[in-house]
N, C-alpha and C. Protein backbone atom coordinates (compact mmCIF):
# COMPACT_ATOMS: atom_id res chain seq x y z
N MET A 1 455.17 204.70 199.15
CA MET A 1 455.81 203.90 200.15
C MET A 1 454.74 203.03 200.78
N ILE A 2 454.92 201.75 200.72
CA ILE A 2 453.99 200.83 201.38
C ILE A 2 454.77 200.13 202.48
N SER A 3 454.31 200.31 203.72
CA SER A 3 455.03 199.70 204.82
C SER A 3 454.17 199.70 206.06
N ASN A 4 454.77 199.25 207.16
CA ASN A 4 454.02 199.25 208.41
C ASN A 4 454.04 200.62 209.07
N GLU A 5 455.01 201.44 208.78
CA GLU A 5 455.03 202.83 209.21
C GLU A 5 456.24 203.49 208.57
N SER A 6 456.25 204.80 208.62
CA SER A 6 457.40 205.56 208.13
C SER A 6 457.96 206.30 209.32
N ALA A 7 459.27 206.39 209.39
CA ALA A 7 459.89 207.05 210.53
C ALA A 7 461.03 207.93 210.09
N LEU A 8 461.14 209.07 210.74
CA LEU A 8 462.25 209.97 210.52
C LEU A 8 463.18 209.79 211.71
N HIS A 9 464.34 209.17 211.46
CA HIS A 9 465.29 208.86 212.53
C HIS A 9 466.62 209.59 212.38
N GLN A 10 466.87 210.22 211.27
CA GLN A 10 468.16 210.84 211.01
C GLN A 10 468.18 212.29 211.48
N ALA A 11 469.10 212.62 212.37
CA ALA A 11 469.20 214.01 212.81
C ALA A 11 469.65 214.88 211.65
N GLY A 12 469.08 216.06 211.55
CA GLY A 12 469.47 216.95 210.47
C GLY A 12 468.63 218.21 210.46
N THR A 13 468.82 219.00 209.42
CA THR A 13 468.05 220.22 209.22
C THR A 13 467.61 220.29 207.77
N ASN A 14 466.66 221.18 207.50
CA ASN A 14 466.16 221.40 206.14
C ASN A 14 465.70 220.12 205.46
N VAL A 15 464.82 219.40 206.12
CA VAL A 15 464.26 218.16 205.58
C VAL A 15 462.92 218.49 204.92
N TYR A 16 462.79 218.09 203.65
CA TYR A 16 461.56 218.30 202.89
C TYR A 16 460.99 216.95 202.48
N ILE A 17 459.74 216.69 202.81
CA ILE A 17 459.04 215.48 202.40
C ILE A 17 457.81 215.95 201.63
N ARG A 18 457.88 215.84 200.30
CA ARG A 18 456.85 216.39 199.43
C ARG A 18 456.50 215.41 198.31
N ASN A 19 455.27 215.45 197.83
CA ASN A 19 454.79 214.69 196.67
C ASN A 19 454.91 213.17 196.86
N ASN A 20 454.78 212.71 198.08
CA ASN A 20 454.87 211.27 198.36
C ASN A 20 453.49 210.68 198.63
N ILE A 21 453.42 209.37 198.48
CA ILE A 21 452.24 208.61 198.91
C ILE A 21 452.71 207.67 200.00
N LEU A 22 452.09 207.75 201.17
CA LEU A 22 452.38 206.82 202.25
C LEU A 22 451.13 205.97 202.43
N TYR A 23 451.28 204.69 202.19
CA TYR A 23 450.17 203.73 202.12
C TYR A 23 450.42 202.69 203.20
N ASN A 24 449.56 202.66 204.21
CA ASN A 24 449.80 201.84 205.38
C ASN A 24 448.58 200.96 205.64
N LEU A 25 448.77 199.67 205.67
CA LEU A 25 447.64 198.75 205.89
C LEU A 25 447.66 198.12 207.28
N THR A 26 448.45 198.67 208.20
CA THR A 26 448.52 198.13 209.55
C THR A 26 447.84 199.10 210.53
N ASN A 27 447.86 198.74 211.79
CA ASN A 27 447.33 199.63 212.83
C ASN A 27 448.42 200.50 213.44
N ARG A 28 449.55 200.59 212.79
CA ARG A 28 450.66 201.42 213.27
C ARG A 28 450.48 202.86 212.77
N PRO A 29 451.20 203.80 213.36
CA PRO A 29 451.10 205.20 212.91
C PRO A 29 451.57 205.38 211.48
N MET A 30 451.02 206.36 210.82
CA MET A 30 451.41 206.67 209.45
C MET A 30 452.82 207.23 209.40
N GLU A 31 453.12 208.06 210.36
CA GLU A 31 454.41 208.74 210.35
C GLU A 31 454.89 208.82 211.79
N VAL A 32 456.18 208.56 211.98
CA VAL A 32 456.78 208.64 213.30
C VAL A 32 458.00 209.55 213.20
N ILE A 33 458.03 210.58 214.01
CA ILE A 33 459.22 211.41 214.11
C ILE A 33 459.88 211.01 215.42
N ALA A 34 461.02 210.34 215.29
CA ALA A 34 461.70 209.72 216.42
C ALA A 34 462.36 210.78 217.33
N PRO A 35 462.73 210.35 218.55
CA PRO A 35 463.40 211.28 219.45
C PRO A 35 464.65 211.87 218.81
N HIS A 36 464.81 213.15 218.94
CA HIS A 36 466.00 213.87 218.45
C HIS A 36 466.20 213.68 216.95
N ALA A 37 465.11 213.56 216.20
CA ALA A 37 465.21 213.32 214.75
C ALA A 37 465.69 214.56 214.01
N MET A 38 465.50 215.70 214.57
CA MET A 38 465.88 216.94 213.88
C MET A 38 466.73 217.81 214.80
N THR A 39 467.70 218.47 214.22
CA THR A 39 468.48 219.45 214.96
C THR A 39 467.65 220.70 215.18
N ASN A 40 466.82 221.05 214.19
CA ASN A 40 465.97 222.23 214.27
C ASN A 40 464.63 221.90 213.62
N TYR A 41 463.60 221.66 214.42
CA TYR A 41 462.30 221.26 213.88
C TYR A 41 461.66 222.34 213.00
N ALA A 42 462.08 223.58 213.13
CA ALA A 42 461.54 224.64 212.28
C ALA A 42 461.92 224.43 210.82
N THR A 43 462.92 223.59 210.57
CA THR A 43 463.35 223.33 209.19
C THR A 43 462.80 222.01 208.66
N LEU A 44 461.81 221.44 209.35
CA LEU A 44 461.13 220.22 208.89
C LEU A 44 459.90 220.64 208.10
N HIS A 45 459.83 220.24 206.84
CA HIS A 45 458.74 220.62 205.95
C HIS A 45 458.09 219.35 205.38
N ILE A 46 456.91 219.02 205.88
CA ILE A 46 456.17 217.85 205.39
C ILE A 46 454.84 218.38 204.86
N ASP A 47 454.63 218.25 203.54
CA ASP A 47 453.41 218.78 202.95
C ASP A 47 453.25 218.27 201.52
N HIS A 48 452.06 218.44 200.98
CA HIS A 48 451.73 218.05 199.60
C HIS A 48 451.97 216.55 199.39
N ASN A 49 451.50 215.75 200.33
CA ASN A 49 451.60 214.30 200.25
C ASN A 49 450.20 213.70 200.28
N MET A 50 450.14 212.38 200.18
CA MET A 50 448.89 211.65 200.31
C MET A 50 449.11 210.51 201.30
N TYR A 51 448.22 210.40 202.29
CA TYR A 51 448.28 209.33 203.27
C TYR A 51 447.06 208.44 203.10
N TYR A 52 447.29 207.13 203.25
CA TYR A 52 446.15 206.22 203.19
C TYR A 52 446.34 205.07 204.17
N ASN A 53 445.33 204.85 204.98
CA ASN A 53 445.25 203.70 205.86
C ASN A 53 443.77 203.45 206.10
N PRO A 54 443.25 202.28 205.69
CA PRO A 54 441.82 202.02 205.88
C PRO A 54 441.42 201.98 207.36
N ASN A 55 442.41 201.84 208.26
CA ASN A 55 442.14 201.80 209.69
C ASN A 55 442.21 203.19 210.34
N GLY A 56 442.52 204.21 209.55
CA GLY A 56 442.66 205.57 210.08
C GLY A 56 444.12 205.99 210.10
N VAL A 57 444.35 207.24 209.80
CA VAL A 57 445.69 207.80 209.72
C VAL A 57 446.03 208.46 211.05
N THR A 58 447.10 207.99 211.71
CA THR A 58 447.56 208.58 212.97
C THR A 58 449.06 208.86 212.90
N PHE A 59 449.53 209.67 213.83
CA PHE A 59 450.92 210.12 213.83
C PHE A 59 451.53 210.06 215.22
N GLU A 60 452.87 209.96 215.25
CA GLU A 60 453.63 210.05 216.49
C GLU A 60 454.79 211.01 216.30
N TRP A 61 455.07 211.79 217.33
CA TRP A 61 456.23 212.67 217.36
C TRP A 61 456.74 212.60 218.78
N ASP A 62 457.76 211.78 218.99
CA ASP A 62 458.23 211.47 220.34
C ASP A 62 458.65 212.69 221.14
N ASP A 63 459.42 213.60 220.55
CA ASP A 63 459.90 214.76 221.29
C ASP A 63 458.78 215.68 221.74
N LYS A 64 457.63 215.61 221.11
CA LYS A 64 456.50 216.48 221.45
C LYS A 64 455.39 215.72 222.17
N ASN A 65 455.68 214.46 222.55
CA ASN A 65 454.70 213.62 223.27
C ASN A 65 453.38 213.49 222.52
N ILE A 66 453.48 213.31 221.20
CA ILE A 66 452.31 213.10 220.36
C ILE A 66 452.25 211.62 220.02
N TYR A 67 451.16 210.96 220.38
CA TYR A 67 451.01 209.52 220.11
C TYR A 67 449.58 209.24 219.66
N GLY A 68 449.44 208.58 218.52
CA GLY A 68 448.11 208.21 218.03
C GLY A 68 447.25 209.39 217.65
N MET A 69 447.87 210.47 217.22
CA MET A 69 447.13 211.69 216.90
C MET A 69 446.45 211.58 215.54
N PRO A 70 445.15 211.87 215.44
CA PRO A 70 444.45 211.86 214.15
C PRO A 70 444.97 212.97 213.23
N PHE A 71 444.74 212.80 211.94
CA PHE A 71 445.31 213.69 210.93
C PHE A 71 444.95 215.16 211.13
N ALA A 72 443.67 215.48 211.31
CA ALA A 72 443.27 216.89 211.45
C ALA A 72 443.92 217.54 212.67
N THR A 73 444.04 216.80 213.75
CA THR A 73 444.69 217.32 214.95
C THR A 73 446.19 217.49 214.71
N TRP A 74 446.80 216.54 213.99
CA TRP A 74 448.21 216.62 213.61
C TRP A 74 448.47 217.92 212.83
N GLN A 75 447.62 218.19 211.84
CA GLN A 75 447.80 219.40 211.04
C GLN A 75 447.73 220.66 211.91
N LYS A 76 446.72 220.72 212.76
CA LYS A 76 446.52 221.90 213.60
C LYS A 76 447.63 222.06 214.64
N THR A 77 448.04 220.97 215.25
CA THR A 77 449.03 221.02 216.33
C THR A 77 450.43 221.31 215.82
N THR A 78 450.81 220.70 214.69
CA THR A 78 452.19 220.80 214.21
C THR A 78 452.40 221.86 213.14
N GLY A 79 451.34 222.23 212.44
CA GLY A 79 451.49 223.14 211.30
C GLY A 79 452.02 222.44 210.06
N LEU A 80 452.20 221.13 210.13
CA LEU A 80 452.68 220.34 209.00
C LEU A 80 451.50 219.82 208.19
N ASP A 81 451.78 219.40 206.96
CA ASP A 81 450.79 218.73 206.11
C ASP A 81 449.56 219.58 205.81
N LYS A 82 449.74 220.89 205.69
CA LYS A 82 448.61 221.79 205.42
C LYS A 82 447.87 221.41 204.14
N TYR A 83 448.61 221.03 203.09
CA TYR A 83 448.00 220.69 201.80
C TYR A 83 448.06 219.20 201.50
N THR A 84 448.36 218.40 202.49
CA THR A 84 448.36 216.94 202.33
C THR A 84 446.92 216.44 202.41
N VAL A 85 446.64 215.36 201.70
CA VAL A 85 445.29 214.78 201.72
C VAL A 85 445.34 213.34 202.23
N VAL A 86 444.23 212.91 202.78
CA VAL A 86 444.05 211.51 203.16
C VAL A 86 443.09 210.92 202.14
N ALA A 87 443.58 209.99 201.34
CA ALA A 87 442.77 209.37 200.29
C ALA A 87 443.43 208.09 199.82
N ASN A 88 442.63 207.18 199.30
CA ASN A 88 443.17 205.97 198.68
C ASN A 88 443.79 206.39 197.35
N PRO A 89 445.08 206.12 197.13
CA PRO A 89 445.72 206.53 195.87
C PRO A 89 445.25 205.74 194.66
N LEU A 90 444.51 204.67 194.89
CA LEU A 90 444.00 203.83 193.80
C LEU A 90 445.13 203.38 192.88
N TYR A 91 446.07 202.65 193.48
CA TYR A 91 447.16 202.07 192.69
C TYR A 91 446.61 201.09 191.66
N ALA A 92 447.17 201.10 190.47
CA ALA A 92 446.86 200.07 189.48
C ALA A 92 447.46 198.75 189.96
N SER A 93 448.59 198.86 190.66
CA SER A 93 449.27 197.69 191.21
C SER A 93 450.09 198.12 192.42
N THR A 94 449.89 197.44 193.55
CA THR A 94 450.69 197.76 194.73
C THR A 94 452.08 197.16 194.64
N SER A 95 452.32 196.29 193.68
CA SER A 95 453.68 195.76 193.51
C SER A 95 454.54 196.70 192.66
N THR A 96 453.92 197.45 191.74
CA THR A 96 454.67 198.39 190.91
C THR A 96 454.48 199.84 191.35
N LEU A 97 453.48 200.09 192.19
CA LEU A 97 453.14 201.43 192.69
C LEU A 97 452.74 202.40 191.59
N THR A 98 452.26 201.87 190.48
CA THR A 98 451.74 202.72 189.41
C THR A 98 450.31 203.11 189.74
N LEU A 99 449.90 204.27 189.24
CA LEU A 99 448.58 204.80 189.55
C LEU A 99 447.56 204.37 188.51
N SER A 100 446.33 204.09 188.96
CA SER A 100 445.25 203.80 188.02
C SER A 100 444.82 205.12 187.37
N ALA A 101 444.09 205.02 186.28
CA ALA A 101 443.68 206.21 185.51
C ALA A 101 442.83 207.18 186.33
N ASN A 102 442.10 206.68 187.34
CA ASN A 102 441.23 207.55 188.14
C ASN A 102 441.82 207.87 189.52
N SER A 103 443.12 207.73 189.67
CA SER A 103 443.76 208.00 190.96
C SER A 103 443.70 209.48 191.32
N PRO A 104 443.36 209.80 192.57
CA PRO A 104 443.38 211.20 193.00
C PRO A 104 444.80 211.75 193.13
N ALA A 105 445.80 210.90 193.00
CA ALA A 105 447.20 211.34 193.08
C ALA A 105 447.70 211.94 191.77
N ILE A 106 446.95 211.71 190.67
CA ILE A 106 447.36 212.24 189.36
C ILE A 106 447.16 213.75 189.35
N ASN A 107 448.20 214.46 188.95
CA ASN A 107 448.22 215.93 188.88
C ASN A 107 447.98 216.60 190.23
N ALA A 108 448.22 215.90 191.33
CA ALA A 108 447.97 216.46 192.66
C ALA A 108 449.24 217.00 193.33
N GLY A 109 450.39 216.84 192.69
CA GLY A 109 451.65 217.28 193.28
C GLY A 109 451.96 218.73 192.99
N ILE A 110 453.02 219.20 193.64
CA ILE A 110 453.52 220.55 193.38
C ILE A 110 454.80 220.45 192.56
N VAL A 111 455.17 221.54 191.93
CA VAL A 111 456.40 221.57 191.14
C VAL A 111 457.60 221.50 192.08
N LEU A 112 458.47 220.55 191.81
CA LEU A 112 459.73 220.41 192.54
C LEU A 112 460.85 220.54 191.52
N PRO A 113 461.44 221.72 191.36
CA PRO A 113 462.42 221.95 190.30
C PRO A 113 463.58 220.95 190.29
N SER A 114 463.94 220.41 191.44
CA SER A 114 465.06 219.46 191.48
C SER A 114 464.64 218.04 191.10
N VAL A 115 463.33 217.80 190.96
CA VAL A 115 462.83 216.47 190.57
C VAL A 115 462.32 216.58 189.14
N THR A 116 463.13 216.17 188.19
CA THR A 116 462.78 216.33 186.78
C THR A 116 462.29 215.04 186.13
N HIS A 117 462.50 213.90 186.81
CA HIS A 117 462.11 212.60 186.25
C HIS A 117 461.61 211.69 187.37
N ASP A 118 460.75 210.73 187.00
CA ASP A 118 460.28 209.76 187.99
C ASP A 118 461.27 208.60 188.09
N PHE A 119 460.91 207.56 188.84
CA PHE A 119 461.82 206.43 189.06
C PHE A 119 462.10 205.63 187.80
N ASN A 120 461.26 205.77 186.78
CA ASN A 120 461.49 205.09 185.50
C ASN A 120 462.19 205.98 184.49
N GLY A 121 462.53 207.20 184.89
CA GLY A 121 463.19 208.12 183.97
C GLY A 121 462.24 208.94 183.12
N VAL A 122 460.94 208.85 183.39
CA VAL A 122 459.94 209.63 182.66
C VAL A 122 459.97 211.07 183.17
N ALA A 123 459.95 212.02 182.25
CA ALA A 123 459.99 213.44 182.63
C ALA A 123 458.78 213.81 183.48
N ARG A 124 459.00 214.67 184.45
CA ARG A 124 457.91 215.22 185.27
C ARG A 124 457.78 216.69 184.96
N PRO A 125 456.60 217.20 184.80
CA PRO A 125 455.38 216.48 184.49
C PRO A 125 455.31 216.17 183.00
N THR A 126 454.53 215.14 182.64
CA THR A 126 454.33 214.82 181.22
C THR A 126 453.25 215.72 180.64
N SER A 127 452.24 215.99 181.42
CA SER A 127 451.19 216.95 181.07
C SER A 127 450.54 217.36 182.38
N GLY A 128 450.01 218.54 182.43
CA GLY A 128 449.39 218.99 183.67
C GLY A 128 450.43 219.21 184.75
N SER A 129 450.17 218.67 185.92
CA SER A 129 451.03 218.87 187.08
C SER A 129 451.78 217.60 187.43
N TYR A 130 452.61 217.70 188.43
CA TYR A 130 453.31 216.53 188.95
C TYR A 130 452.30 215.59 189.59
N ASP A 131 452.54 214.29 189.46
CA ASP A 131 451.75 213.30 190.19
C ASP A 131 452.41 213.06 191.54
N LEU A 132 451.63 212.63 192.51
CA LEU A 132 452.18 212.18 193.78
C LEU A 132 452.72 210.78 193.59
N GLY A 133 453.76 210.44 194.32
CA GLY A 133 454.30 209.09 194.27
C GLY A 133 455.54 208.99 193.41
N ALA A 134 455.97 207.75 193.20
CA ALA A 134 457.24 207.47 192.52
C ALA A 134 457.18 207.62 191.01
N TYR A 135 455.98 207.51 190.44
CA TYR A 135 455.88 207.46 188.99
C TYR A 135 454.92 208.51 188.45
N GLN A 136 455.30 209.11 187.34
CA GLN A 136 454.47 210.08 186.64
C GLN A 136 453.59 209.33 185.64
N SER A 137 452.29 209.58 185.67
CA SER A 137 451.39 208.93 184.72
C SER A 137 451.41 209.69 183.40
N ALA A 138 450.78 209.12 182.41
CA ALA A 138 450.72 209.76 181.09
C ALA A 138 449.59 210.78 181.00
N GLN A 139 448.85 210.96 182.08
CA GLN A 139 447.69 211.86 182.06
C GLN A 139 448.05 213.26 182.48
């Protein structure tokens, strides 16, 4: 996902955000959890993702009065993103969101039994582990 920020605005329960790449080139927060975004925050699971912002990765969670929180503090305070990494995904192309051969996102994902194919219909995983992001590489 390449954007100015990502936000969770839909009220609900049992929300899982896994194996994603959030790539932000602005000075806005990486992730925003809006007021009343969840019916039960204990069922919010954000982990095994990759965040990248050359200006620094920060977070907001309105209901918890968290604003501009750095990644390590976010992990410790919220218990979220325990296995998430902050790294440049090294896209081969930011227009196609495909990964370069030396991307740290290759084989960095976890098995998601309900996700059997990438956005192009390629089986996940092709070899090794799941890749982070929309597309599975051939590696």
